[in-house]
């Protein structure tokens, strides 16, 4: 599954971080979707983990926007 996730990430030319979702049907592994920023709401684990490290939700948004602008 990890190899499929990496291949899917590269196939869409993603950058940074992504969550790749799968379905398991018996022995079959079916790729469902790729989410470039997993669970990005104010109550999701991603921003809450950053907040626990001292970076607020608004600060995180600003930093991600700045990083995206730098990349372009």
Protein backbone atom coordinates (compact mmCIF):
# COMPACT_ATOMS: atom_id res chain seq x y z
CA UNK A 1 0.00 0.00 0.00
CA UNK A 2 2.87 2.35 0.73
CA UNK A 3 4.27 1.84 -2.76
CA UNK A 4 0.86 2.51 -4.31
CA UNK A 5 0.46 5.64 -2.17
CA UNK A 6 3.86 6.97 -3.23
CA UNK A 7 3.15 6.21 -6.89
CA UNK A 8 -0.22 8.00 -6.69
CA UNK A 9 1.38 11.01 -4.96
CA UNK A 10 3.99 11.25 -7.71
CA UNK A 11 1.44 10.66 -10.49
CA UNK A 12 -0.46 13.81 -9.58
CA UNK A 13 2.75 15.78 -8.96
CA UNK A 14 1.76 16.43 -5.36
CA UNK A 15 4.08 18.23 -2.99
CA UNK A 16 4.42 18.43 0.74
CA UNK A 17 2.15 16.04 2.55
CA UNK A 18 -0.82 13.95 1.49
CA UNK A 19 -3.13 11.29 2.82
CA UNK A 20 -3.92 8.51 0.37
CA UNK A 21 -7.11 6.61 1.17
CA UNK A 22 -7.75 3.00 0.22
CA UNK A 23 -10.52 0.43 0.32
CA UNK A 24 -9.69 -3.16 1.19
CA UNK A 25 -11.90 -5.78 -0.47
CA UNK A 26 -10.68 -9.22 0.53
CA UNK A 27 -7.20 -9.43 -0.98
CA UNK A 28 -7.74 -6.40 -3.23
CA UNK A 29 -6.36 -2.96 -2.37
CA UNK A 30 -8.26 -0.18 -4.14
CA UNK A 31 -6.99 3.39 -4.17
CA UNK A 32 -9.89 5.69 -3.31
CA UNK A 33 -8.55 9.26 -3.22
CA UNK A 34 -5.63 11.53 -2.45
CA UNK A 35 -6.02 14.40 -0.02
CA UNK A 36 -3.19 16.92 -0.27
CA UNK A 37 -3.77 18.33 3.22
CA UNK A 38 -5.38 15.72 5.42
CA UNK A 39 -8.29 16.71 7.62
CA UNK A 40 -7.70 20.41 7.50
CA UNK A 41 -10.44 21.85 9.67
CA UNK A 42 -9.98 23.61 13.00
CA UNK A 43 -10.97 20.39 14.82
CA UNK A 44 -8.82 17.98 12.78
CA UNK A 45 -5.70 16.35 14.19
CA UNK A 46 -3.32 18.16 11.81
CA UNK A 47 -3.90 21.73 13.05
CA UNK A 48 -4.42 20.54 16.62
CA UNK A 49 -0.99 18.89 16.63
CA UNK A 50 0.57 22.12 15.37
CA UNK A 51 -1.31 24.08 18.02
CA UNK A 52 0.07 21.73 20.69
CA UNK A 53 3.55 22.69 19.46
CA UNK A 54 2.75 26.40 19.81
CA UNK A 55 1.50 27.30 16.32
CA UNK A 56 -2.09 28.56 16.26
CA UNK A 57 -4.55 27.73 13.47
CA UNK A 58 -4.34 31.25 11.94
CA UNK A 59 -0.52 31.14 12.14
CA UNK A 60 -0.49 27.71 10.48
CA UNK A 61 -2.68 28.98 7.64
CA UNK A 62 -0.35 31.96 7.15
CA UNK A 63 2.73 29.76 7.12
CA UNK A 64 1.23 27.35 4.60
CA UNK A 65 0.23 30.21 2.32
CA UNK A 66 3.74 31.70 2.58
CA UNK A 67 5.30 28.33 1.74
CA UNK A 68 3.02 27.93 -1.28
CA UNK A 69 3.92 31.42 -2.53
CA UNK A 70 7.64 30.74 -2.06
CA UNK A 71 7.31 27.51 -4.03
CA UNK A 72 5.75 29.35 -6.97
